[in-house]
Amino acid sequence: MTVTDQLAGLLRRSAAATAGVPVTDPRAAVAHDVGVLRAETRLDGVTVSGLVYDVTTGLVHPAARQEERTRG
């Protein structure tokens, strides 16, 4: 079973529906999620950023810069 298949099972969606989600690349996955949140108009005025925790080094790395969601 692939990571995508496991994610599909957890989300109760088809593997095809989760195929575009970058689950094997933590930085890309966080950047994707931040982009989804920033696009949500109900979050106007909310600051959204993304961090990735490296379990090997114990360091935290920015994956998406802090940005306030504003009306465009």
C-alpha atoms as a PDB file:
ATOM      1  CA  MET A   1       0.000   0.000   0.000  1.00  0.00           C
ATOM      2  CA  THR A   2       1.422   3.371  -1.024  1.00  0.00           C
ATOM      3  CA  VAL A   3       1.449   6.554   1.042  1.00  0.00           C
ATOM      4  CA  THR A   4      -1.149   7.992  -1.342  1.00  0.00           C
ATOM      5  CA  ASP A   5      -3.388   4.950  -0.781  1.00  0.00           C
ATOM      6  CA  GLN A   6      -3.017   5.346   2.992  1.00  0.00           C
ATOM      7  CA  LEU A   7      -3.864   9.046   2.783  1.00  0.00           C
ATOM      8  CA  ALA A   8      -6.900   8.289   0.628  1.00  0.00           C
ATOM      9  CA  GLY A   9      -8.114   5.823   3.251  1.00  0.00           C
ATOM     10  CA  LEU A  10      -7.655   8.320   6.076  1.00  0.00           C
ATOM     11  CA  LEU A  11      -9.477  11.048   4.152  1.00  0.00           C
ATOM     12  CA  ARG A  12     -12.136   8.606   2.910  1.00  0.00           C
ATOM     13  CA  ARG A  13     -11.446   9.654  -0.666  1.00  0.00           C
ATOM     14  CA  SER A  14     -10.280   7.788  -3.736  1.00  0.00           C
ATOM     15  CA  ALA A  15      -6.568   7.437  -4.448  1.00  0.00           C
ATOM     16  CA  ALA A  16      -7.172   9.403  -7.662  1.00  0.00           C
ATOM     17  CA  ALA A  17      -8.596  12.331  -5.659  1.00  0.00           C
ATOM     18  CA  THR A  18      -5.452  12.481  -3.516  1.00  0.00           C
ATOM     19  CA  ALA A  19      -2.963  11.816  -6.340  1.00  0.00           C
ATOM     20  CA  GLY A  20      -2.016  15.499  -6.669  1.00  0.00           C
ATOM     21  CA  VAL A  21      -1.285  15.961  -2.968  1.00  0.00           C
ATOM     22  CA  PRO A  22       2.505  15.960  -2.390  1.00  0.00           C
ATOM     23  CA  VAL A  23       2.510  13.677   0.679  1.00  0.00           C
ATOM     24  CA  THR A  24       6.052  12.379   0.248  1.00  0.00           C
ATOM     25  CA  ASP A  25       7.616  15.880   0.221  1.00  0.00           C
ATOM     26  CA  PRO A  26       6.864  17.623   3.547  1.00  0.00           C
ATOM     27  CA  ARG A  27       7.793  21.131   2.347  1.00  0.00           C
ATOM     28  CA  ALA A  28       5.670  20.806  -0.785  1.00  0.00           C
ATOM     29  CA  ALA A  29       2.786  19.363   1.243  1.00  0.00           C
ATOM     30  CA  VAL A  30       2.859  22.255   3.718  1.00  0.00           C
ATOM     31  CA  ALA A  31       3.177  24.820   0.922  1.00  0.00           C
ATOM     32  CA  HIS A  32       0.170  23.197  -0.792  1.00  0.00           C
ATOM     33  CA  ASP A  33      -1.908  23.310   2.393  1.00  0.00           C
ATOM     34  CA  VAL A  34      -0.926  26.936   3.062  1.00  0.00           C
ATOM     35  CA  GLY A  35      -1.969  27.830  -0.479  1.00  0.00           C
ATOM     36  CA  VAL A  36      -5.372  26.217   0.059  1.00  0.00           C
ATOM     37  CA  LEU A  37      -5.865  28.156   3.293  1.00  0.00           C
ATOM     38  CA  ARG A  38      -4.719  31.451   1.760  1.00  0.00           C
ATOM     39  CA  ALA A  39      -7.225  31.007  -1.062  1.00  0.00           C
ATOM     40  CA  GLU A  40     -10.104  30.626   1.404  1.00  0.00           C
ATOM     41  CA  THR A  41     -12.024  33.905   1.428  1.00  0.00           C
ATOM     42  CA  ARG A  42     -13.500  33.188   4.863  1.00  0.00           C
ATOM     43  CA  LEU A  43      -9.989  33.659   6.280  1.00  0.00           C
ATOM     44  CA  ASP A  44      -9.577  37.298   5.226  1.00  0.00           C
ATOM     45  CA  GLY A  45      -7.287  39.044   7.706  1.00  0.00           C
ATOM     46  CA  VAL A  46      -5.877  35.772   9.074  1.00  0.00           C
ATOM     47  CA  THR A  47      -2.117  35.268   8.911  1.00  0.00           C
ATOM     48  CA  VAL A  48      -1.141  31.905   7.433  1.00  0.00           C
ATOM     49  CA  SER A  49       2.347  30.412   7.330  1.00  0.00           C
ATOM     50  CA  GLY A  50       3.810  26.923   7.231  1.00  0.00           C
ATOM     51  CA  LEU A  51       6.611  25.158   9.069  1.00  0.00           C
ATOM     52  CA  VAL A  52       8.184  21.723   8.686  1.00  0.00           C
ATOM     53  CA  TYR A  53       9.726  19.917  11.651  1.00  0.00           C
ATOM     54  CA  ASP A  54      12.762  17.787  10.799  1.00  0.00           C
ATOM     55  CA  VAL A  55      12.568  14.716  13.046  1.00  0.00           C
ATOM     56  CA  THR A  56      16.217  13.859  12.351  1.00  0.00           C
ATOM     57  CA  THR A  57      17.757  17.197  13.373  1.00  0.00           C
ATOM     58  CA  GLY A  58      15.012  18.593  15.587  1.00  0.00           C
ATOM     59  CA  LEU A  59      15.034  21.813  13.570  1.00  0.00           C
ATOM     60  CA  VAL A  60      12.012  23.692  12.252  1.00  0.00           C
ATOM     61  CA  HIS A  61      12.184  25.086   8.716  1.00  0.00           C
ATOM     62  CA  PRO A  62       9.817  27.566   7.043  1.00  0.00           C
ATOM     63  CA  ALA A  63       7.930  25.990   4.161  1.00  0.00           C
ATOM     64  CA  ALA A  64       5.761  28.994   3.335  1.00  0.00           C
ATOM     65  CA  ARG A  65       6.357  32.584   4.317  1.00  0.00           C
ATOM     66  CA  GLN A  66       4.047  34.343   6.702  1.00  0.00           C
ATOM     67  CA  GLU A  67       1.448  36.343   4.838  1.00  0.00           C
ATOM     68  CA  GLU A  68      -1.814  37.942   5.826  1.00  0.00           C
ATOM     69  CA  ARG A  69      -4.814  36.959   3.737  1.00  0.00           C
ATOM     70  CA  THR A  70      -6.340  40.112   2.301  1.00  0.00           C
ATOM     71  CA  ARG A  71      -9.137  40.772  -0.130  1.00  0.00           C
ATOM     72  CA  GLY A  72      -7.858  40.994  -3.681  1.00  0.00           C
END
